[in-house]
Amino acid sequence: MSAVTVGLAGMTHLGLVSAMGMATKFDVVCYDGDSDLVGRLQAGQLPVSEPDLDDLVRSNAARHRFTSRLEDLARCDVIYVAPDIPTDDEGRSDSRGLLALIEQVTTVLGPNASLIVLSQVDPGFTRRLSSPPLARRFYQVETLIFGRAVERAMKPERYIVGCADPSVPLPQAYRTVLEAFSPNILPMRYESAELAKISINFCLVASVTVANTLAEVCENIGADWSEIAPALKLDRRIGPYAYLSPGLGISGGNLERDLQTVLKIGGAHGTDTGVVQAWLHNSRHRKDWTWRTLKGALGSQKDPRIAVLGLAYKENTHSTKNSPSLQLLAQLRNFAVAVHDPVVPAAVAPFARPAGSAMDCVQDADVVVLATPWPEYRQLDLARLGAAMRGRIMIDPYRLLDGAQAARLGFTYHTLGHPPLKPA
């Protein structure tokens, strides 16, 4: 264990996961001004759901300390300020809470300690701060992914660090923290680092939109996107890790935030951002795929019972930000609906019947919608589903289940990137 002491301010998703990752190698002070939240954290009640996070908190308990006392950060050599940045439904950010927290932390920052902004910000944010001095002020690009946050915190591909002068070596304590997890450190000016994060997400949005657009073409011409994507991944110009799985638009808040940031910059400077508008239009169109598919599948059927499996915007997370499932449920208020999610409380859809399990949710349903690709839904037995349901319509955007087998069992099976499979 290193003698360097690390501080993390802001115990929401980003700060908490980052703190627990660092606690595998350093003493970490975990600060949040919300004493009730700190009390829950001390009792082991985590406010976020991430695979392996509970185990990480327990196994490194000797090296981290949760506190609501700001002065406890004074002994830290490096302090990360890392609250989650709230965004509205359009992706517009509100950084006022981050600014207030930075102002608090700088009052206890030691004379030789460094402050690192880890929360995502607009280009220009870090340089505009009034303190601490530029030589002890940095911006670090966060690359956590909902559902894979612990993995990304423990095994980062590289660190992108915004500096006042990237030619000047990083402070030794800060470099020690970074090198404990990765030798790949890319220093650059503040604005470059801030825009680098947005640039990464733009590339992801482009891949997602390509997959969504062409998957819809497949659905209408008899092609199968799952056959095409492997061919693209073997092209070195695209690569094996490209985002080539079709989905239900852009969700989660992070990608939307970056699109809105560039729209704002483009509007202020007369930059053409038409491609961004097109991405957003495509996202809105794809989010309605499930509703359009459901209406077409039901036809004139009266009073259908609908089971919706999954409320989170993706698997392995509690987040419902811009969730396609919730968008679908907003259109189902006049239907008989049952809902289930392994993590998200059913109260987010108060008009629906809460179900304690997936099988309870589908009981007597005419339609089952697998709205979130939770691993446990991949294990569902199609024969049991068929026996429990009243009807035989399955909408499975992410291909969690075997469509061919579903058709053999009498289901009409709908998925992204493939024409409907009719009962054999």
Protein backbone atom coordinates (compact mmCIF):
# COMPACT_ATOMS: atom_id res chain seq x y z
CA MET A 1 0.00 0.00 0.00
CA SER A 2 1.37 3.42 -0.97
CA ALA A 3 1.93 6.24 1.52
CA VAL A 4 -0.10 8.55 -0.72
CA THR A 5 -3.55 9.39 0.68
CA VAL A 6 -6.34 10.02 -1.80
CA GLY A 7 -9.53 11.97 -1.21
CA LEU A 8 -12.78 11.58 -3.15
CA ALA A 9 -15.47 14.25 -2.75
CA GLY A 10 -18.97 13.33 -3.88
CA MET A 11 -20.23 9.82 -3.09
CA THR A 12 -22.63 9.31 -5.96
CA HIS A 13 -21.98 6.76 -8.74
CA LEU A 14 -18.74 8.16 -10.14
CA GLY A 15 -17.15 9.16 -6.84
CA LEU A 16 -18.12 6.02 -4.96
CA VAL A 17 -16.92 3.55 -7.59
CA SER A 18 -13.70 5.52 -8.18
CA ALA A 19 -13.02 5.66 -4.44
CA MET A 20 -13.50 1.93 -3.99
CA GLY A 21 -11.19 1.21 -6.93
CA MET A 22 -8.47 3.41 -5.46
CA ALA A 23 -8.92 1.83 -2.03
CA THR A 24 -7.44 -1.39 -3.43
CA LYS A 25 -4.04 0.35 -3.43
CA PHE A 26 -4.28 3.54 -1.36
CA ASP A 27 -5.78 4.95 1.82
CA VAL A 28 -8.89 6.82 0.68
CA VAL A 29 -10.99 9.47 2.42
CA CYS A 30 -14.53 9.33 1.00
CA TYR A 31 -16.32 12.63 1.64
CA ASP A 32 -19.88 13.72 1.06
CA GLY A 33 -21.66 16.63 2.70
CA ASP A 34 -24.86 14.60 3.00
CA SER A 35 -24.53 13.06 6.47
CA ASP A 36 -27.54 10.78 5.89
CA LEU A 37 -25.88 9.34 2.78
CA VAL A 38 -22.62 8.89 4.67
CA GLY A 39 -24.49 7.06 7.42
CA ARG A 40 -26.01 4.67 4.89
CA LEU A 41 -22.62 4.09 3.28
CA GLN A 42 -21.06 3.34 6.67
CA ALA A 43 -23.84 0.78 7.20
CA GLY A 44 -23.07 -0.84 3.85
CA GLN A 45 -26.18 0.51 2.10
CA LEU A 46 -24.93 1.60 -1.32
CA PRO A 47 -26.91 4.14 -3.38
CA VAL A 48 -25.95 2.55 -6.70
CA SER A 49 -26.04 -0.93 -8.19
CA GLU A 50 -22.86 -2.17 -9.87
CA PRO A 51 -21.53 -5.72 -10.25
CA ASP A 52 -18.81 -6.47 -7.63
CA LEU A 53 -19.12 -3.08 -5.92
CA ASP A 54 -20.47 -4.49 -2.64
CA ASP A 55 -17.58 -6.96 -2.47
CA LEU A 56 -15.07 -4.19 -3.18
CA VAL A 57 -16.46 -2.05 -0.36
CA ARG A 58 -16.22 -4.94 2.12
CA SER A 59 -12.84 -6.32 1.08
CA ASN A 60 -11.06 -2.95 1.32
CA ALA A 61 -12.82 -1.62 4.42
CA ALA A 62 -9.50 -1.07 6.18
CA ARG A 63 -8.33 1.39 3.52
CA HIS A 64 -11.35 3.63 3.06
CA ARG A 65 -13.31 5.86 5.38
CA PHE A 66 -16.69 7.52 4.72
CA THR A 67 -17.07 10.95 6.30
CA SER A 68 -19.22 14.08 6.18
CA ARG A 69 -16.48 16.16 7.83
CA LEU A 70 -14.88 18.37 5.16
CA GLU A 71 -11.73 18.85 7.26
CA ASP A 72 -10.96 15.12 6.97
CA LEU A 73 -9.82 15.84 3.39
CA ALA A 74 -7.05 18.14 4.64
CA ARG A 75 -4.58 15.24 5.04
CA CYS A 76 -4.98 14.04 1.45
CA ASP A 77 -2.20 14.40 -1.12
CA VAL A 78 -4.61 14.17 -4.05
CA ILE A 79 -8.29 15.10 -3.94
CA TYR A 80 -10.71 14.12 -6.69
CA VAL A 81 -13.95 16.07 -6.95
CA ALA A 82 -16.35 13.61 -8.50
CA PRO A 83 -20.09 14.17 -8.00
CA ASP A 84 -22.41 12.95 -10.73
CA ILE A 85 -23.49 15.87 -12.92
CA PRO A 86 -27.30 15.97 -13.22
CA THR A 87 -28.78 16.32 -16.69
CA ASP A 88 -32.32 17.00 -17.82
CA ASP A 89 -34.23 14.80 -20.26
CA GLU A 90 -32.57 16.54 -23.21
CA GLY A 91 -29.05 15.97 -21.85
CA ARG A 92 -28.37 19.54 -20.67
CA SER A 93 -25.98 19.60 -17.70
CA ASP A 94 -26.17 21.49 -14.42
CA SER A 95 -22.69 21.97 -12.92
CA ARG A 96 -23.66 24.28 -10.04
CA GLY A 97 -23.33 21.49 -7.49
CA LEU A 98 -19.85 20.63 -8.79
CA LEU A 99 -18.73 24.26 -8.54
CA ALA A 100 -20.01 24.53 -4.97
CA LEU A 101 -18.21 21.34 -3.99
CA ILE A 102 -14.93 22.51 -5.58
CA GLU A 103 -15.18 25.76 -3.61
CA GLN A 104 -15.64 23.78 -0.38
CA VAL A 105 -12.77 21.39 -1.08
CA THR A 106 -10.28 24.13 -1.94
CA THR A 107 -10.72 25.59 1.55
CA VAL A 108 -9.11 22.47 3.05
CA LEU A 109 -6.70 21.58 0.21
CA GLY A 110 -3.18 21.20 1.55
CA PRO A 111 -0.40 23.52 0.27
CA ASN A 112 1.18 20.75 -1.80
CA ALA A 113 -1.96 18.77 -2.64
CA SER A 114 -3.49 18.51 -6.11
CA LEU A 115 -7.16 18.90 -6.99
CA ILE A 116 -8.52 16.81 -9.85
CA VAL A 117 -11.91 17.43 -11.43
CA LEU A 118 -13.24 13.99 -12.38
CA SER A 119 -16.85 14.90 -13.17
CA GLN A 120 -17.55 15.60 -16.82
CA VAL A 121 -17.63 19.30 -17.68
CA ASP A 122 -17.91 21.57 -20.70
CA PRO A 123 -14.68 22.64 -22.43
CA GLY A 124 -13.18 25.63 -20.63
CA PHE A 125 -14.56 24.74 -17.20
CA THR A 126 -11.31 23.75 -15.48
CA ARG A 127 -9.31 26.77 -16.66
CA ARG A 128 -12.08 29.14 -15.51
CA LEU A 129 -11.89 27.95 -11.89
CA SER A 130 -10.55 30.59 -9.53
CA SER A 131 -8.60 28.10 -7.38
CA PRO A 132 -6.44 26.21 -6.66
CA PRO A 133 -3.43 27.51 -8.64
CA LEU A 134 -3.09 26.15 -12.18
CA ALA A 135 -0.05 24.04 -11.28
CA ARG A 136 -2.14 22.05 -8.78
CA ARG A 137 -5.38 21.91 -10.78
CA PHE A 138 -6.18 19.07 -13.21
CA TYR A 139 -9.04 17.57 -15.16
CA GLN A 140 -9.12 13.80 -15.61
CA VAL A 141 -11.38 12.14 -18.17
CA GLU A 142 -13.65 9.57 -16.53
CA THR A 143 -14.48 6.51 -18.60
CA LEU A 144 -16.80 4.56 -16.32
CA ILE A 145 -19.65 2.64 -17.95
CA PHE A 146 -22.90 1.84 -16.17
CA GLY A 147 -22.90 -1.87 -15.40
CA ARG A 148 -19.11 -2.14 -15.91
CA ALA A 149 -17.95 0.68 -13.64
CA VAL A 150 -15.85 -1.43 -11.26
CA GLU A 151 -14.04 -3.11 -14.13
CA ARG A 152 -13.27 0.26 -15.75
CA ALA A 153 -12.09 1.78 -12.46
CA MET A 154 -9.73 -1.12 -11.79
CA LYS A 155 -8.41 -1.63 -15.32
CA PRO A 156 -8.43 1.69 -17.21
CA GLU A 157 -7.21 1.63 -20.82
CA ARG A 158 -5.38 4.92 -20.27
CA TYR A 159 -5.61 8.18 -18.38
CA ILE A 160 -6.33 11.45 -20.18
CA VAL A 161 -5.23 14.36 -17.98
CA GLY A 162 -5.95 18.03 -18.63
CA CYS A 163 -3.20 20.39 -17.45
CA ALA A 164 -2.37 24.07 -17.60
CA ASP A 165 0.95 23.10 -19.25
CA PRO A 166 1.17 19.48 -20.46
CA SER A 167 4.95 19.78 -20.87
CA VAL A 168 5.40 20.09 -17.09
CA PRO A 169 5.61 16.74 -15.21
CA LEU A 170 2.60 15.86 -13.08
CA PRO A 171 3.00 16.19 -9.29
CA GLN A 172 4.61 13.04 -7.92
CA ALA A 173 1.72 12.03 -5.68
CA TYR A 174 -0.79 12.34 -8.53
CA ARG A 175 1.44 10.41 -10.90
CA THR A 176 1.86 7.69 -8.27
CA VAL A 177 -1.93 7.24 -8.13
CA LEU A 178 -2.27 7.02 -11.91
CA GLU A 179 0.68 4.70 -12.47
CA ALA A 180 -0.68 2.29 -9.87
CA PHE A 181 -3.43 1.43 -12.36
CA SER A 182 -2.05 2.18 -15.85
CA PRO A 183 1.25 3.21 -17.45
CA ASN A 184 -0.64 4.97 -20.23
CA ILE A 185 -0.95 8.63 -19.21
CA LEU A 186 -1.80 11.24 -21.83
CA PRO A 187 -1.31 14.81 -20.56
CA MET A 188 -2.82 17.60 -22.66
CA ARG A 189 -4.22 21.10 -22.20
CA TYR A 190 -7.42 21.41 -20.18
CA GLU A 191 -9.66 22.11 -23.16
CA SER A 192 -8.28 19.19 -25.16
CA ALA A 193 -8.94 16.75 -22.33
CA GLU A 194 -12.45 18.10 -21.77
CA LEU A 195 -13.22 17.76 -25.48
CA ALA A 196 -11.52 14.34 -25.66
CA LYS A 197 -14.25 12.88 -23.44
CA ILE A 198 -16.91 14.33 -25.74
CA SER A 199 -15.01 13.08 -28.79
CA ILE A 200 -15.01 9.51 -27.43
CA ASN A 201 -18.76 9.64 -26.92
CA PHE A 202 -19.31 11.10 -30.40
CA CYS A 203 -17.57 8.07 -31.90
CA LEU A 204 -19.81 5.80 -29.81
CA VAL A 205 -22.92 7.67 -30.90
CA ALA A 206 -21.87 7.34 -34.54
CA SER A 207 -21.46 3.57 -34.18
CA VAL A 208 -24.77 3.21 -32.36
CA THR A 209 -26.60 5.25 -34.99
CA VAL A 210 -25.07 3.26 -37.87
CA ALA A 211 -26.16 0.02 -36.21
CA ASN A 212 -29.66 1.31 -35.46
CA THR A 213 -30.21 2.69 -38.97
CA LEU A 214 -29.04 -0.41 -40.81
CA ALA A 215 -30.74 -2.79 -38.37
CA GLU A 216 -34.04 -1.15 -39.26
CA VAL A 217 -33.24 -1.66 -42.95
CA CYS A 218 -32.68 -5.36 -42.16
CA GLU A 219 -36.07 -5.62 -40.51
CA ASN A 220 -37.74 -4.55 -43.75
CA ILE A 221 -35.76 -6.38 -46.44
CA GLY A 222 -35.17 -9.83 -44.89
CA ALA A 223 -31.51 -9.30 -43.96
CA ASP A 224 -30.15 -10.15 -40.48
CA TRP A 225 -27.98 -7.55 -38.75
CA SER A 226 -26.45 -10.20 -36.45
CA GLU A 227 -24.88 -11.73 -39.58
CA ILE A 228 -23.52 -8.38 -40.82
CA ALA A 229 -21.98 -7.03 -37.59
CA PRO A 230 -19.27 -9.75 -37.31
CA ALA A 231 -18.13 -8.92 -40.86
CA LEU A 232 -17.71 -5.26 -39.88
CA LYS A 233 -15.77 -6.15 -36.74
CA LEU A 234 -13.25 -8.07 -38.87
CA ASP A 235 -12.54 -4.88 -40.81
CA ARG A 236 -9.53 -3.26 -39.12
CA ARG A 237 -10.88 0.18 -40.03
CA ILE A 238 -13.86 -0.52 -37.79
CA GLY A 239 -12.55 -3.10 -35.32
CA PRO A 240 -13.73 -5.85 -32.98
CA TYR A 241 -14.89 -3.47 -30.23
CA ALA A 242 -17.10 -1.21 -32.35
CA TYR A 243 -20.58 -0.43 -31.06
CA LEU A 244 -22.43 -2.46 -33.66
CA SER A 245 -25.31 -3.90 -31.66
CA PRO A 246 -28.58 -2.16 -32.52
CA GLY A 247 -30.47 -0.65 -29.61
CA LEU A 248 -33.40 1.54 -28.66
CA GLY A 249 -31.80 4.93 -29.16
CA ILE A 250 -29.31 6.70 -26.92
CA SER A 251 -29.94 6.48 -23.17
CA GLY A 252 -28.25 6.89 -19.81
CA GLY A 253 -27.66 10.65 -20.00
CA ASN A 254 -23.91 10.72 -20.68
CA LEU A 255 -23.97 10.56 -24.48
CA GLU A 256 -26.94 12.93 -24.64
CA ARG A 257 -25.06 15.44 -22.48
CA ASP A 258 -22.16 15.57 -24.93
CA LEU A 259 -24.42 16.01 -27.92
CA GLN A 260 -26.12 18.94 -26.19
CA THR A 261 -22.74 20.46 -25.28
CA VAL A 262 -21.64 20.52 -28.92
CA LEU A 263 -25.02 21.87 -30.04
CA LYS A 264 -24.56 24.71 -27.55
CA ILE A 265 -21.02 25.45 -28.75
CA GLY A 266 -22.12 25.25 -32.39
CA GLY A 267 -24.98 27.64 -31.77
CA ALA A 268 -22.68 30.14 -30.10
CA HIS A 269 -20.04 30.06 -32.84
CA GLY A 270 -22.00 29.34 -36.01
CA THR A 271 -20.63 25.79 -36.37
CA ASP A 272 -22.62 23.32 -38.46
CA THR A 273 -23.98 20.67 -36.07
CA GLY A 274 -26.52 19.13 -38.43
CA VAL A 275 -25.09 15.65 -37.90
CA VAL A 276 -25.77 15.96 -34.18
CA GLN A 277 -29.39 16.91 -34.85
CA ALA A 278 -29.63 13.88 -37.13
CA TRP A 279 -28.27 11.58 -34.41
CA LEU A 280 -30.83 12.91 -31.93
CA HIS A 281 -33.63 12.49 -34.46
CA ASN A 282 -32.56 8.90 -35.11
CA SER A 283 -32.42 8.22 -31.36
CA ARG A 284 -35.96 9.49 -30.82
CA HIS A 285 -37.16 7.37 -33.74
CA ARG A 286 -35.52 4.19 -32.43
CA LYS A 287 -36.81 4.73 -28.88
CA ASP A 288 -40.31 4.31 -30.31
CA TRP A 289 -39.44 0.98 -32.00
CA THR A 290 -40.98 -1.10 -29.22
CA TRP A 291 -44.22 0.89 -29.18
CA ARG A 292 -44.54 0.76 -32.98
CA THR A 293 -43.82 -2.97 -32.95
CA LEU A 294 -46.29 -3.59 -30.12
CA LYS A 295 -49.10 -1.71 -31.87
CA GLY A 296 -48.51 -3.60 -35.09
CA ALA A 297 -48.37 -6.96 -33.32
CA LEU A 298 -51.59 -6.37 -31.37
CA GLY A 299 -53.61 -5.22 -34.34
CA SER A 300 -57.24 -4.92 -33.22
CA GLN A 301 -56.89 -7.11 -30.13
CA LYS A 302 -58.97 -5.75 -27.26
CA ASP A 303 -57.73 -5.29 -23.68
CA PRO A 304 -54.36 -7.02 -24.02
CA ARG A 305 -52.30 -7.83 -20.95
CA ILE A 306 -48.70 -6.72 -21.32
CA ALA A 307 -45.66 -7.85 -19.30
CA VAL A 308 -42.61 -5.58 -19.35
CA LEU A 309 -39.37 -7.16 -18.12
CA GLY A 310 -36.78 -4.50 -17.31
CA LEU A 311 -37.00 -0.86 -16.25
CA ALA A 312 -33.31 0.20 -16.17
CA TYR A 313 -31.93 1.76 -19.33
CA LYS A 314 -29.43 -1.11 -19.63
CA GLU A 315 -28.39 -4.21 -17.70
CA ASN A 316 -26.35 -4.18 -14.47
CA THR A 317 -27.36 -0.69 -13.40
CA HIS A 318 -30.05 1.01 -11.33
CA SER A 319 -30.17 4.00 -13.69
CA THR A 320 -33.39 4.73 -15.61
CA LYS A 321 -32.17 7.95 -17.26
CA ASN A 322 -33.97 8.24 -20.63
CA SER A 323 -34.83 4.55 -20.35
CA PRO A 324 -36.62 3.20 -23.46
CA SER A 325 -38.60 0.97 -21.10
CA LEU A 326 -40.03 3.95 -19.22
CA GLN A 327 -40.77 5.68 -22.52
CA LEU A 328 -42.74 2.61 -23.58
CA LEU A 329 -44.57 2.47 -20.25
CA ALA A 330 -45.61 6.10 -20.63
CA GLN A 331 -47.53 4.97 -23.73
CA LEU A 332 -49.11 2.01 -21.91
CA ARG A 333 -50.96 3.86 -19.15
CA ASN A 334 -54.35 2.73 -20.47
CA PHE A 335 -53.34 -0.93 -20.70
CA ALA A 336 -53.18 -3.73 -18.14
CA VAL A 337 -49.42 -3.84 -17.49
CA ALA A 338 -47.18 -5.82 -15.14
CA VAL A 339 -43.51 -4.87 -14.62
CA HIS A 340 -40.38 -6.45 -13.17
CA ASP A 341 -36.75 -5.40 -12.81
CA PRO A 342 -34.04 -7.07 -10.67
CA VAL A 343 -32.91 -3.71 -9.24
CA VAL A 344 -35.23 -0.82 -10.15
CA PRO A 345 -38.35 -0.52 -7.94
CA ALA A 346 -41.64 -0.96 -9.77
CA ALA A 347 -42.78 2.34 -8.22
CA VAL A 348 -41.27 4.16 -11.22
CA ALA A 349 -44.38 2.90 -13.08
CA PRO A 350 -47.08 3.40 -10.40
CA PHE A 351 -49.98 2.47 -12.68
CA ALA A 352 -48.50 -1.00 -13.41
CA ARG A 353 -48.77 -4.18 -11.37
CA PRO A 354 -45.44 -4.85 -9.61
CA ALA A 355 -44.19 -8.42 -9.98
CA GLY A 356 -41.77 -10.17 -7.68
CA SER A 357 -40.22 -12.25 -10.45
CA ALA A 358 -40.10 -12.47 -14.22
CA MET A 359 -42.39 -15.50 -14.23
CA ASP A 360 -44.91 -13.73 -12.01
CA CYS A 361 -44.79 -10.76 -14.37
CA VAL A 362 -45.70 -12.81 -17.48
CA GLN A 363 -48.54 -14.74 -15.84
CA ASP A 364 -51.62 -14.57 -18.13
CA ALA A 365 -49.96 -11.94 -20.35
CA ASP A 366 -50.72 -11.64 -24.05
CA VAL A 367 -47.43 -9.87 -24.77
CA VAL A 368 -44.02 -10.03 -23.11
CA VAL A 369 -41.52 -7.24 -23.74
CA LEU A 370 -37.91 -7.93 -22.70
CA ALA A 371 -37.09 -4.25 -22.38
CA THR A 372 -33.74 -4.46 -20.56
CA PRO A 373 -31.07 -7.10 -21.35
CA TRP A 374 -30.57 -8.31 -17.79
CA PRO A 375 -28.50 -11.54 -17.65
CA GLU A 376 -31.20 -13.34 -15.66
CA TYR A 377 -33.71 -12.80 -18.46
CA ARG A 378 -31.41 -14.71 -20.82
CA GLN A 379 -31.98 -17.76 -18.62
CA LEU A 380 -35.77 -17.75 -18.96
CA ASP A 381 -37.25 -21.02 -20.12
CA LEU A 382 -39.32 -20.45 -23.24
CA ALA A 383 -41.56 -23.44 -22.57
CA ARG A 384 -42.36 -22.12 -19.08
CA LEU A 385 -43.04 -18.68 -20.53
CA GLY A 386 -45.44 -20.18 -23.03
CA ALA A 387 -47.23 -22.16 -20.32
CA ALA A 388 -47.60 -19.08 -18.09
CA MET A 389 -48.78 -16.65 -20.78
CA ARG A 390 -52.25 -16.29 -22.27
CA GLY A 391 -51.01 -14.95 -25.63
CA ARG A 392 -47.98 -15.58 -27.83
CA ILE A 393 -46.38 -12.23 -28.72
CA MET A 394 -42.74 -11.75 -27.72
CA ILE A 395 -40.86 -8.48 -28.26
CA ASP A 396 -37.17 -9.08 -27.54
CA PRO A 397 -35.15 -6.15 -28.94
CA TYR A 398 -31.77 -7.43 -27.72
CA ARG A 399 -32.20 -11.12 -28.71
CA LEU A 400 -31.99 -12.40 -25.17
CA LEU A 401 -33.89 -15.55 -26.10
CA ASP A 402 -33.77 -17.94 -29.03
CA GLY A 403 -36.16 -16.52 -31.60
CA ALA A 404 -36.29 -19.69 -33.69
CA GLN A 405 -37.21 -21.77 -30.65
CA ALA A 406 -39.81 -19.18 -29.63
CA ALA A 407 -41.42 -19.47 -33.07
CA ARG A 408 -41.45 -23.26 -32.80
CA LEU A 409 -43.32 -22.89 -29.51
CA GLY A 410 -45.97 -20.73 -31.16
CA PHE A 411 -44.68 -17.22 -30.44
CA THR A 412 -44.56 -14.38 -32.91
CA TYR A 413 -41.05 -13.12 -32.17
CA HIS A 414 -39.88 -9.55 -32.81
CA THR A 415 -36.27 -8.35 -32.46
CA LEU A 416 -34.04 -5.55 -33.70
CA GLY A 417 -32.32 -6.09 -37.01
CA HIS A 418 -34.40 -9.04 -38.25
CA PRO A 419 -37.88 -9.49 -39.76
CA PRO A 420 -40.49 -10.97 -37.35
CA LEU A 421 -40.39 -14.73 -36.89
CA LYS A 422 -43.85 -16.26 -37.17
CA PRO A 423 -45.05 -19.45 -35.40
CA ALA A 424 -43.79 -22.58 -37.12
